[in-house]
Amino acid sequence: MSEQKSYYDGNGLSLFGWTFLGGLICVCTLFICFPWAYCMVRKYTASHTVVEGRRLKFNGEGTSLFGNWFLWWFLSAITLGIYGFWVPGNVLRWVAKNTSFSN
């Protein structure tokens, strides 16, 4: 049984462009559209990632992340920032739940 390689076939310039566009969207909307910009960049990176011969696909939508994002930051505000330590893990769990193989 041969081992299949995992790789990323995107390029730095395209990733920079998508990340820059996402940042511009965030700044122009005072970070209200962060969930949509984040999903846009995740879709790009997932579509250019191959794991053991299978390409990834990100299925998450900004509207789904927005509801969670609002809740997580609300909980952070009422706990004086303590819940903020759990937000990065929550985001990673949400991304994993919304990532699958496209083939």
PDB file of N, CA and C in Angstrom:
ATOM      1  N   MET A   1       0.850  -1.185   0.000  1.00  0.00           N
ATOM      2  CA  MET A   1       0.000   0.000   0.000  1.00  0.00           C
ATOM      3  C   MET A   1       0.892   1.245   0.000  1.00  0.00           C
ATOM      4  N   SER A   2       0.730   2.093  -0.991  1.00  0.00           N
ATOM      5  CA  SER A   2       1.565   3.292  -1.071  1.00  0.00           C
ATOM      6  C   SER A   2       0.893   4.452  -0.334  1.00  0.00           C
ATOM      7  N   GLU A   3       1.725   5.259   0.245  1.00  0.00           N
ATOM      8  CA  GLU A   3       1.240   6.401   0.992  1.00  0.00           C
ATOM      9  C   GLU A   3       0.961   7.562   0.036  1.00  0.00           C
ATOM     10  N   GLN A   4      -0.216   8.154   0.143  1.00  0.00           N
ATOM     11  CA  GLN A   4      -0.541   9.302  -0.691  1.00  0.00           C
ATOM     12  C   GLN A   4      -0.125  10.574   0.039  1.00  0.00           C
ATOM     13  N   LYS A   5       0.351  11.514  -0.705  1.00  0.00           N
ATOM     14  CA  LYS A   5       0.846  12.746  -0.116  1.00  0.00           C
ATOM     15  C   LYS A   5      -0.276  13.763   0.062  1.00  0.00           C
ATOM     16  N   SER A   6      -0.061  14.607   1.042  1.00  0.00           N
ATOM     17  CA  SER A   6      -0.950  15.738   1.270  1.00  0.00           C
ATOM     18  C   SER A   6      -0.198  17.002   0.865  1.00  0.00           C
ATOM     19  N   TYR A   7      -0.913  17.942   0.263  1.00  0.00           N
ATOM     20  CA  TYR A   7      -0.251  19.150  -0.193  1.00  0.00           C
ATOM     21  C   TYR A   7      -1.253  20.289  -0.375  1.00  0.00           C
ATOM     22  N   TYR A   8      -0.692  21.480  -0.525  1.00  0.00           N
ATOM     23  CA  TYR A   8      -1.459  22.691  -0.807  1.00  0.00           C
ATOM     24  C   TYR A   8      -1.014  23.169  -2.185  1.00  0.00           C
ATOM     25  N   ASP A   9      -1.950  23.305  -3.128  1.00  0.00           N
ATOM     26  CA  ASP A   9      -1.569  23.683  -4.488  1.00  0.00           C
ATOM     27  C   ASP A   9      -1.919  25.127  -4.853  1.00  0.00           C
ATOM     28  N   GLY A  10      -2.283  25.928  -3.870  1.00  0.00           N
ATOM     29  CA  GLY A  10      -2.515  27.345  -4.127  1.00  0.00           C
ATOM     30  C   GLY A  10      -1.187  28.078  -4.160  1.00  0.00           C
ATOM     31  N   ASN A  11      -1.232  29.348  -4.481  1.00  0.00           N
ATOM     32  CA  ASN A  11       0.007  30.115  -4.453  1.00  0.00           C
ATOM     33  C   ASN A  11      -0.122  31.306  -3.513  1.00  0.00           C
ATOM     34  N   GLY A  12       1.017  31.815  -3.104  1.00  0.00           N
ATOM     35  CA  GLY A  12       1.051  32.884  -2.118  1.00  0.00           C
ATOM     36  C   GLY A  12       0.357  34.159  -2.570  1.00  0.00           C
ATOM     37  N   LEU A  13       0.484  34.486  -3.847  1.00  0.00           N
ATOM     38  CA  LEU A  13      -0.126  35.715  -4.346  1.00  0.00           C
ATOM     39  C   LEU A  13      -1.657  35.638  -4.287  1.00  0.00           C
ATOM     40  N   SER A  14      -2.211  34.503  -4.686  1.00  0.00           N
ATOM     41  CA  SER A  14      -3.676  34.343  -4.621  1.00  0.00           C
ATOM     42  C   SER A  14      -4.166  34.363  -3.180  1.00  0.00           C
ATOM     43  N   LEU A  15      -3.444  33.680  -2.310  1.00  0.00           N
ATOM     44  CA  LEU A  15      -3.833  33.670  -0.896  1.00  0.00           C
ATOM     45  C   LEU A  15      -3.764  35.077  -0.323  1.00  0.00           C
ATOM     46  N   PHE A  16      -2.716  35.805  -0.668  1.00  0.00           N
ATOM     47  CA  PHE A  16      -2.606  37.192  -0.224  1.00  0.00           C
ATOM     48  C   PHE A  16      -3.790  38.005  -0.730  1.00  0.00           C
ATOM     49  N   GLY A  17      -4.153  37.824  -2.016  1.00  0.00           N
ATOM     50  CA  GLY A  17      -5.272  38.567  -2.592  1.00  0.00           C
ATOM     51  C   GLY A  17      -6.581  38.287  -1.875  1.00  0.00           C
ATOM     52  N   TRP A  18      -6.878  37.013  -1.616  1.00  0.00           N
ATOM     53  CA  TRP A  18      -8.116  36.659  -0.916  1.00  0.00           C
ATOM     54  C   TRP A  18      -8.114  37.184   0.519  1.00  0.00           C
ATOM     55  N   THR A  19      -6.956  37.084   1.184  1.00  0.00           N
ATOM     56  CA  THR A  19      -6.850  37.579   2.558  1.00  0.00           C
ATOM     57  C   THR A  19      -6.968  39.093   2.598  1.00  0.00           C
ATOM     58  N   PHE A  20      -6.343  39.769   1.645  1.00  0.00           N
ATOM     59  CA  PHE A  20      -6.437  41.226   1.571  1.00  0.00           C
ATOM     60  C   PHE A  20      -7.879  41.653   1.336  1.00  0.00           C
ATOM     61  N   LEU A  21      -8.564  40.976   0.396  1.00  0.00           N
ATOM     62  CA  LEU A  21      -9.963  41.290   0.118  1.00  0.00           C
ATOM     63  C   LEU A  21     -10.819  41.072   1.364  1.00  0.00           C
ATOM     64  N   GLY A  22     -10.580  39.967   2.074  1.00  0.00           N
ATOM     65  CA  GLY A  22     -11.314  39.707   3.311  1.00  0.00           C
ATOM     66  C   GLY A  22     -11.069  40.792   4.345  1.00  0.00           C
ATOM     67  N   GLY A  23      -9.819  41.226   4.466  1.00  0.00           N
ATOM     68  CA  GLY A  23      -9.495  42.302   5.400  1.00  0.00           C
ATOM     69  C   GLY A  23     -10.155  43.608   5.020  1.00  0.00           C
ATOM     70  N   LEU A  24     -10.181  43.895   3.723  1.00  0.00           N
ATOM     71  CA  LEU A  24     -10.825  45.109   3.232  1.00  0.00           C
ATOM     72  C   LEU A  24     -12.324  45.086   3.537  1.00  0.00           C
ATOM     73  N   ILE A  25     -12.953  43.935   3.337  1.00  0.00           N
ATOM     74  CA  ILE A  25     -14.378  43.791   3.654  1.00  0.00           C
ATOM     75  C   ILE A  25     -14.608  44.046   5.137  1.00  0.00           C
ATOM     76  N   CYS A  26     -13.732  43.493   5.973  1.00  0.00           N
ATOM     77  CA  CYS A  26     -13.868  43.689   7.424  1.00  0.00           C
ATOM     78  C   CYS A  26     -13.742  45.160   7.806  1.00  0.00           C
ATOM     79  N   VAL A  27     -12.723  45.818   7.292  1.00  0.00           N
ATOM     80  CA  VAL A  27     -12.491  47.216   7.637  1.00  0.00           C
ATOM     81  C   VAL A  27     -13.639  48.097   7.154  1.00  0.00           C
ATOM     82  N   CYS A  28     -14.100  47.863   5.931  1.00  0.00           N
ATOM     83  CA  CYS A  28     -15.180  48.688   5.371  1.00  0.00           C
ATOM     84  C   CYS A  28     -16.513  48.502   6.085  1.00  0.00           C
ATOM     85  N   THR A  29     -16.708  47.348   6.718  1.00  0.00           N
ATOM     86  CA  THR A  29     -17.980  47.091   7.412  1.00  0.00           C
ATOM     87  C   THR A  29     -17.811  47.111   8.931  1.00  0.00           C
ATOM     88  N   LEU A  30     -16.699  47.669   9.396  1.00  0.00           N
ATOM     89  CA  LEU A  30     -16.393  47.733  10.833  1.00  0.00           C
ATOM     90  C   LEU A  30     -16.452  46.348  11.479  1.00  0.00           C
ATOM     91  N   PHE A  31     -15.975  45.351  10.757  1.00  0.00           N
ATOM     92  CA  PHE A  31     -15.865  43.950  11.181  1.00  0.00           C
ATOM     93  C   PHE A  31     -17.209  43.247  11.361  1.00  0.00           C
ATOM     94  N   ILE A  32     -18.294  43.865  10.936  1.00  0.00           N
ATOM     95  CA  ILE A  32     -19.598  43.200  10.994  1.00  0.00           C
ATOM     96  C   ILE A  32     -19.626  42.019  10.030  1.00  0.00           C
ATOM     97  N   CYS A  33     -18.977  42.148   8.894  1.00  0.00           N
ATOM     98  CA  CYS A  33     -18.963  41.079   7.887  1.00  0.00           C
ATOM     99  C   CYS A  33     -17.775  40.133   8.042  1.00  0.00           C
ATOM    100  N   PHE A  34     -17.129  40.134   9.211  1.00  0.00           N
ATOM    101  CA  PHE A  34     -16.002  39.234   9.425  1.00  0.00           C
ATOM    102  C   PHE A  34     -16.353  37.778   9.134  1.00  0.00           C
ATOM    103  N   PRO A  35     -17.499  37.254   9.594  1.00  0.00           N
ATOM    104  CA  PRO A  35     -17.802  35.845   9.319  1.00  0.00           C
ATOM    105  C   PRO A  35     -17.838  35.517   7.825  1.00  0.00           C
ATOM    106  N   TRP A  36     -18.355  36.408   7.008  1.00  0.00           N
ATOM    107  CA  TRP A  36     -18.421  36.163   5.567  1.00  0.00           C
ATOM    108  C   TRP A  36     -17.020  36.220   4.950  1.00  0.00           C
ATOM    109  N   ALA A  37     -16.217  37.185   5.381  1.00  0.00           N
ATOM    110  CA  ALA A  37     -14.848  37.289   4.878  1.00  0.00           C
ATOM    111  C   ALA A  37     -14.034  36.066   5.303  1.00  0.00           C
ATOM    112  N   TYR A  38     -14.206  35.617   6.523  1.00  0.00           N
ATOM    113  CA  TYR A  38     -13.487  34.443   7.022  1.00  0.00           C
ATOM    114  C   TYR A  38     -13.862  33.205   6.202  1.00  0.00           C
ATOM    115  N   CYS A  39     -15.149  33.034   5.943  1.00  0.00           N
ATOM    116  CA  CYS A  39     -15.606  31.886   5.144  1.00  0.00           C
ATOM    117  C   CYS A  39     -15.071  31.958   3.723  1.00  0.00           C
ATOM    118  N   MET A  40     -14.984  33.142   3.162  1.00  0.00           N
ATOM    119  CA  MET A  40     -14.463  33.319   1.809  1.00  0.00           C
ATOM    120  C   MET A  40     -13.010  32.835   1.735  1.00  0.00           C
ATOM    121  N   VAL A  41     -12.197  33.206   2.703  1.00  0.00           N
ATOM    122  CA  VAL A  41     -10.789  32.794   2.715  1.00  0.00           C
ATOM    123  C   VAL A  41     -10.676  31.299   3.003  1.00  0.00           C
ATOM    124  N   ARG A  42     -11.489  30.776   3.908  1.00  0.00           N
ATOM    125  CA  ARG A  42     -11.461  29.334   4.213  1.00  0.00           C
ATOM    126  C   ARG A  42     -11.841  28.506   2.990  1.00  0.00           C
ATOM    127  N   LYS A  43     -12.818  28.980   2.217  1.00  0.00           N
ATOM    128  CA  LYS A  43     -13.209  28.252   1.000  1.00  0.00           C
ATOM    129  C   LYS A  43     -12.047  28.200   0.015  1.00  0.00           C
ATOM    130  N   TYR A  44     -11.321  29.289  -0.102  1.00  0.00           N
ATOM    131  CA  TYR A  44     -10.180  29.305  -1.007  1.00  0.00           C
ATOM    132  C   TYR A  44      -9.116  28.311  -0.538  1.00  0.00           C
ATOM    133  N   THR A  45      -8.739  28.381   0.739  1.00  0.00           N
ATOM    134  CA  THR A  45      -7.663  27.509   1.225  1.00  0.00           C
ATOM    135  C   THR A  45      -8.071  26.046   1.181  1.00  0.00           C
ATOM    136  N   ALA A  46      -9.313  25.736   1.522  1.00  0.00           N
ATOM    137  CA  ALA A  46      -9.760  24.339   1.487  1.00  0.00           C
ATOM    138  C   ALA A  46      -9.769  23.802   0.061  1.00  0.00           C
ATOM    139  N   SER A  47     -10.199  24.620  -0.891  1.00  0.00           N
ATOM    140  CA  SER A  47     -10.278  24.145  -2.275  1.00  0.00           C
ATOM    141  C   SER A  47      -8.903  23.913  -2.897  1.00  0.00           C
ATOM    142  N   HIS A  48      -7.867  24.411  -2.253  1.00  0.00           N
ATOM    143  CA  HIS A  48      -6.503  24.207  -2.748  1.00  0.00           C
ATOM    144  C   HIS A  48      -5.695  23.274  -1.847  1.00  0.00           C
ATOM    145  N   THR A  49      -6.372  22.547  -0.971  1.00  0.00           N
ATOM    146  CA  THR A  49      -5.697  21.612  -0.073  1.00  0.00           C
ATOM    147  C   THR A  49      -6.113  20.190  -0.410  1.00  0.00           C
ATOM    148  N   VAL A  50      -5.127  19.305  -0.535  1.00  0.00           N
ATOM    149  CA  VAL A  50      -5.352  17.899  -0.815  1.00  0.00           C
ATOM    150  C   VAL A  50      -4.764  17.097   0.346  1.00  0.00           C
ATOM    151  N   VAL A  51      -5.587  16.238   0.946  1.00  0.00           N
ATOM    152  CA  VAL A  51      -5.143  15.402   2.065  1.00  0.00           C
ATOM    153  C   VAL A  51      -5.254  13.949   1.637  1.00  0.00           C
ATOM    154  N   GLU A  52      -4.128  13.278   1.596  1.00  0.00           N
ATOM    155  CA  GLU A  52      -4.053  11.873   1.190  1.00  0.00           C
ATOM    156  C   GLU A  52      -4.788  11.617  -0.127  1.00  0.00           C
ATOM    157  N   GLY A  53      -4.573  12.498  -1.080  1.00  0.00           N
ATOM    158  CA  GLY A  53      -5.152  12.344  -2.404  1.00  0.00           C
ATOM    159  C   GLY A  53      -6.579  12.835  -2.560  1.00  0.00           C
ATOM    160  N   ARG A  54      -7.164  13.368  -1.505  1.00  0.00           N
ATOM    161  CA  ARG A  54      -8.555  13.854  -1.570  1.00  0.00           C
ATOM    162  C   ARG A  54      -8.593  15.350  -1.295  1.00  0.00           C
ATOM    163  N   ARG A  55      -9.245  16.085  -2.194  1.00  0.00           N
ATOM    164  CA  ARG A  55      -9.339  17.538  -2.061  1.00  0.00           C
ATOM    165  C   ARG A  55     -10.382  17.907  -1.016  1.00  0.00           C
ATOM    166  N   LEU A  56     -10.075  18.950  -0.249  1.00  0.00           N
ATOM    167  CA  LEU A  56     -11.004  19.420   0.768  1.00  0.00           C
ATOM    168  C   LEU A  56     -12.019  20.394   0.175  1.00  0.00           C
ATOM    169  N   LYS A  57     -13.142  20.500   0.859  1.00  0.00           N
ATOM    170  CA  LYS A  57     -14.183  21.462   0.485  1.00  0.00           C
ATOM    171  C   LYS A  57     -14.725  22.056   1.778  1.00  0.00           C
ATOM    172  N   PHE A  58     -14.800  23.377   1.819  1.00  0.00           N
ATOM    173  CA  PHE A  58     -15.361  24.061   2.987  1.00  0.00           C
ATOM    174  C   PHE A  58     -16.797  24.419   2.677  1.00  0.00           C
ATOM    175  N   ASN A  59     -17.724  23.964   3.514  1.00  0.00           N
ATOM    176  CA  ASN A  59     -19.153  24.152   3.277  1.00  0.00           C
ATOM    177  C   ASN A  59     -19.784  25.233   4.154  1.00  0.00           C
ATOM    178  N   GLY A  60     -18.998  25.855   5.017  1.00  0.00           N
ATOM    179  CA  GLY A  60     -19.541  26.833   5.958  1.00  0.00           C
ATOM    180  C   GLY A  60     -20.043  28.091   5.267  1.00  0.00           C
ATOM    181  N   GLU A  61     -21.016  28.713   5.889  1.00  0.00           N
ATOM    182  CA  GLU A  61     -21.593  29.965   5.381  1.00  0.00           C
ATOM    183  C   GLU A  61     -21.450  31.054   6.438  1.00  0.00           C
ATOM    184  N   GLY A  62     -21.297  32.267   5.978  1.00  0.00           N
ATOM    185  CA  GLY A  62     -21.150  33.394   6.885  1.00  0.00           C
ATOM    186  C   GLY A  62     -22.320  33.578   7.830  1.00  0.00           C
ATOM    187  N   THR A  63     -23.532  33.284   7.357  1.00  0.00           N
ATOM    188  CA  THR A  63     -24.706  33.461   8.225  1.00  0.00           C
ATOM    189  C   THR A  63     -24.659  32.500   9.409  1.00  0.00           C
ATOM    190  N   SER A  64     -24.209  31.290   9.180  1.00  0.00           N
ATOM    191  CA  SER A  64     -24.098  30.311  10.264  1.00  0.00           C
ATOM    192  C   SER A  64     -23.034  30.752  11.270  1.00  0.00           C
ATOM    193  N   LEU A  65     -21.886  31.184  10.762  1.00  0.00           N
ATOM    194  CA  LEU A  65     -20.822  31.630  11.652  1.00  0.00           C
ATOM    195  C   LEU A  65     -21.216  32.899  12.389  1.00  0.00           C
ATOM    196  N   PHE A  66     -21.976  33.781  11.743  1.00  0.00           N
ATOM    197  CA  PHE A  66     -22.357  35.042  12.370  1.00  0.00           C
ATOM    198  C   PHE A  66     -23.137  34.812  13.660  1.00  0.00           C
ATOM    199  N   GLY A  67     -24.091  33.881  13.634  1.00  0.00           N
ATOM    200  CA  GLY A  67     -24.868  33.593  14.842  1.00  0.00           C
ATOM    201  C   GLY A  67     -23.986  33.105  15.973  1.00  0.00           C
ATOM    202  N   ASN A  68     -23.092  32.182  15.660  1.00  0.00           N
ATOM    203  CA  ASN A  68     -22.165  31.679  16.675  1.00  0.00           C
ATOM    204  C   ASN A  68     -21.224  32.782  17.140  1.00  0.00           C
ATOM    205  N   TRP A  69     -20.696  33.532  16.178  1.00  0.00           N
ATOM    206  CA  TRP A  69     -19.747  34.596  16.479  1.00  0.00           C
ATOM    207  C   TRP A  69     -20.366  35.613  17.430  1.00  0.00           C
ATOM    208  N   PHE A  70     -21.587  36.009  17.162  1.00  0.00           N
ATOM    209  CA  PHE A  70     -22.283  36.967  18.026  1.00  0.00           C
ATOM    210  C   PHE A  70     -22.435  36.399  19.433  1.00  0.00           C
ATOM    211  N   LEU A  71     -22.862  35.146  19.532  1.00  0.00           N
ATOM    212  CA  LEU A  71     -23.036  34.495  20.834  1.00  0.00           C
ATOM    213  C   LEU A  71     -21.715  34.425  21.588  1.00  0.00           C
ATOM    214  N   TRP A  72     -20.648  33.986  20.904  1.00  0.00           N
ATOM    215  CA  TRP A  72     -19.359  33.833  21.572  1.00  0.00           C
ATOM    216  C   TRP A  72     -18.831  35.159  22.100  1.00  0.00           C
ATOM    217  N   TRP A  73     -18.968  36.227  21.329  1.00  0.00           N
ATOM    218  CA  TRP A  73     -18.468  37.514  21.786  1.00  0.00           C
ATOM    219  C   TRP A  73     -19.389  38.143  22.823  1.00  0.00           C
ATOM    220  N   PHE A  74     -20.673  37.832  22.765  1.00  0.00           N
ATOM    221  CA  PHE A  74     -21.591  38.271  23.828  1.00  0.00           C
ATOM    222  C   PHE A  74     -21.194  37.611  25.146  1.00  0.00           C
ATOM    223  N   LEU A  75     -20.945  36.297  25.109  1.00  0.00           N
ATOM    224  CA  LEU A  75     -20.515  35.588  26.314  1.00  0.00           C
ATOM    225  C   LEU A  75     -19.173  36.116  26.816  1.00  0.00           C
ATOM    226  N   SER A  76     -18.310  36.496  25.896  1.00  0.00           N
ATOM    227  CA  SER A  76     -17.026  37.086  26.295  1.00  0.00           C
ATOM    228  C   SER A  76     -17.246  38.418  26.998  1.00  0.00           C
ATOM    229  N   ALA A  77     -18.173  39.206  26.479  1.00  0.00           N
ATOM    230  CA  ALA A  77     -18.431  40.522  27.075  1.00  0.00           C
ATOM    231  C   ALA A  77     -19.010  40.394  28.477  1.00  0.00           C
ATOM    232  N   ILE A  78     -19.958  39.484  28.661  1.00  0.00           N
ATOM    233  CA  ILE A  78     -20.586  39.388  29.984  1.00  0.00           C
ATOM    234  C   ILE A  78     -19.715  38.661  31.007  1.00  0.00           C
ATOM    235  N   THR A  79     -18.702  37.933  30.540  1.00  0.00           N
ATOM    236  CA  THR A  79     -17.763  37.288  31.478  1.00  0.00           C
ATOM    237  C   THR A  79     -16.463  38.088  31.577  1.00  0.00           C
ATOM    238  N   LEU A  80     -16.509  39.340  31.146  1.00  0.00           N
ATOM    239  CA  LEU A  80     -15.361  40.240  31.190  1.00  0.00           C
ATOM    240  C   LEU A  80     -14.141  39.657  30.477  1.00  0.00           C
ATOM    241  N   GLY A  81     -14.383  39.009  29.354  1.00  0.00           N
ATOM    242  CA  GLY A  81     -13.315  38.504  28.513  1.00  0.00           C
ATOM    243  C   GLY A  81     -12.875  37.081  28.789  1.00  0.00           C
ATOM    244  N   ILE A  82     -13.340  36.483  29.860  1.00  0.00           N
ATOM    245  CA  ILE A  82     -12.888  35.138  30.216  1.00  0.00           C
ATOM    246  C   ILE A  82     -13.297  34.121  29.150  1.00  0.00           C
ATOM    247  N   TYR A  83     -14.519  34.217  28.640  1.00  0.00           N
ATOM    248  CA  TYR A  83     -14.974  33.256  27.624  1.00  0.00           C
ATOM    249  C   TYR A  83     -14.172  33.396  26.332  1.00  0.00           C
ATOM    250  N   GLY A  84     -13.524  34.511  26.131  1.00  0.00           N
ATOM    251  CA  GLY A  84     -12.722  34.740  24.929  1.00  0.00           C
ATOM    252  C   GLY A  84     -11.622  33.703  24.739  1.00  0.00           C
ATOM    253  N   PHE A  85     -11.173  33.082  25.821  1.00  0.00           N
ATOM    254  CA  PHE A  85     -10.162  32.040  25.707  1.00  0.00           C
ATOM    255  C   PHE A  85     -10.699  30.803  24.990  1.00  0.00           C
ATOM    256  N   TRP A  86     -12.006  30.612  24.995  1.00  0.00           N
ATOM    257  CA  TRP A  86     -12.614  29.454  24.344  1.00  0.00           C
ATOM    258  C   TRP A  86     -13.016  29.735  22.888  1.00  0.00           C
ATOM    259  N   VAL A  87     -13.056  30.983  22.502  1.00  0.00           N
ATOM    260  CA  VAL A  87     -13.509  31.337  21.145  1.00  0.00           C
ATOM    261  C   VAL A  87     -12.640  30.722  20.049  1.00  0.00           C
ATOM    262  N   PRO A  88     -11.308  30.788  20.111  1.00  0.00           N
ATOM    263  CA  PRO A  88     -10.516  30.173  19.030  1.00  0.00           C
ATOM    264  C   PRO A  88     -10.806  28.679  18.858  1.00  0.00           C
ATOM    265  N   GLY A  89     -10.963  27.957  19.941  1.00  0.00           N
ATOM    266  CA  GLY A  89     -11.307  26.537  19.851  1.00  0.00           C
ATOM    267  C   GLY A  89     -12.684  26.331  19.234  1.00  0.00           C
ATOM    268  N   ASN A  90     -13.624  27.195  19.600  1.00  0.00           N
ATOM    269  CA  ASN A  90     -14.971  27.106  19.025  1.00  0.00           C
ATOM    270  C   ASN A  90     -14.923  27.339  17.511  1.00  0.00           C
ATOM    271  N   VAL A  91     -14.124  28.309  17.085  1.00  0.00           N
ATOM    272  CA  VAL A  91     -14.006  28.595  15.651  1.00  0.00           C
ATOM    273  C   VAL A  91     -13.401  27.385  14.934  1.00  0.00           C
ATOM    274  N   LEU A  92     -12.347  26.795  15.498  1.00  0.00           N
ATOM    275  CA  LEU A  92     -11.722  25.628  14.873  1.00  0.00           C
ATOM    276  C   LEU A  92     -12.680  24.446  14.800  1.00  0.00           C
ATOM    277  N   ARG A  93     -13.490  24.235  15.840  1.00  0.00           N
ATOM    278  CA  ARG A  93     -14.496  23.160  15.806  1.00  0.00           C
ATOM    279  C   ARG A  93     -15.532  23.426  14.721  1.00  0.00           C
ATOM    280  N   TRP A  94     -15.948  24.673  14.586  1.00  0.00           N
ATOM    281  CA  TRP A  94     -16.929  25.038  13.567  1.00  0.00           C
ATOM    282  C   TRP A  94     -16.346  24.809  12.169  1.00  0.00           C
ATOM    283  N   VAL A  95     -15.087  25.186  11.976  1.00  0.00           N
ATOM    284  CA  VAL A  95     -14.438  24.989  10.676  1.00  0.00           C
ATOM    285  C   VAL A  95     -14.339  23.505  10.368  1.00  0.00           C
ATOM    286  N   ALA A  96     -13.918  22.695  11.339  1.00  0.00           N
ATOM    287  CA  ALA A  96     -13.791  21.251  11.123  1.00  0.00           C
ATOM    288  C   ALA A  96     -15.144  20.628  10.790  1.00  0.00           C
ATOM    289  N   LYS A  97     -16.186  21.075  11.476  1.00  0.00           N
ATOM    290  CA  LYS A  97     -17.531  20.542  11.228  1.00  0.00           C
ATOM    291  C   LYS A  97     -18.024  20.886   9.831  1.00  0.00           C
ATOM    292  N   ASN A  98     -17.535  21.983   9.278  1.00  0.00           N
ATOM    293  CA  ASN A  98     -17.987  22.443   7.972  1.00  0.00           C
ATOM    294  C   ASN A  98     -16.988  22.164   6.850  1.00  0.00           C
ATOM    295  N   THR A  99     -16.026  21.291   7.097  1.00  0.00           N
ATOM    296  CA  THR A  99     -15.047  20.913   6.083  1.00  0.00           C
ATOM    297  C   THR A  99     -15.205  19.444   5.764  1.00  0.00           C
ATOM    298  N   SER A 100     -15.220  19.127   4.487  1.00  0.00           N
ATOM    299  CA  SER A 100     -15.365  17.726   4.059  1.00  0.00           C
ATOM    300  C   SER A 100     -14.473  17.502   2.839  1.00  0.00           C
ATOM    301  N   PHE A 101     -14.522  16.273   2.338  1.00  0.00           N
ATOM    302  CA  PHE A 101     -13.793  15.951   1.116  1.00  0.00           C
ATOM    303  C   PHE A 101     -14.706  16.222  -0.076  1.00  0.00           C
ATOM    304  N   SER A 102     -14.172  16.830  -1.132  1.00  0.00           N
ATOM    305  CA  SER A 102     -14.994  17.119  -2.296  1.00  0.00           C
ATOM    306  C   SER A 102     -15.048  15.941  -3.257  1.00  0.00           C
ATOM    307  N   ASN A 103     -14.115  14.998  -3.151  1.00  0.00           N
ATOM    308  CA  ASN A 103     -14.115  13.840  -4.052  1.00  0.00           C
ATOM    309  C   ASN A 103     -13.981  12.552  -3.278  1.00  0.00           C
TER     310      ASN A 103
END
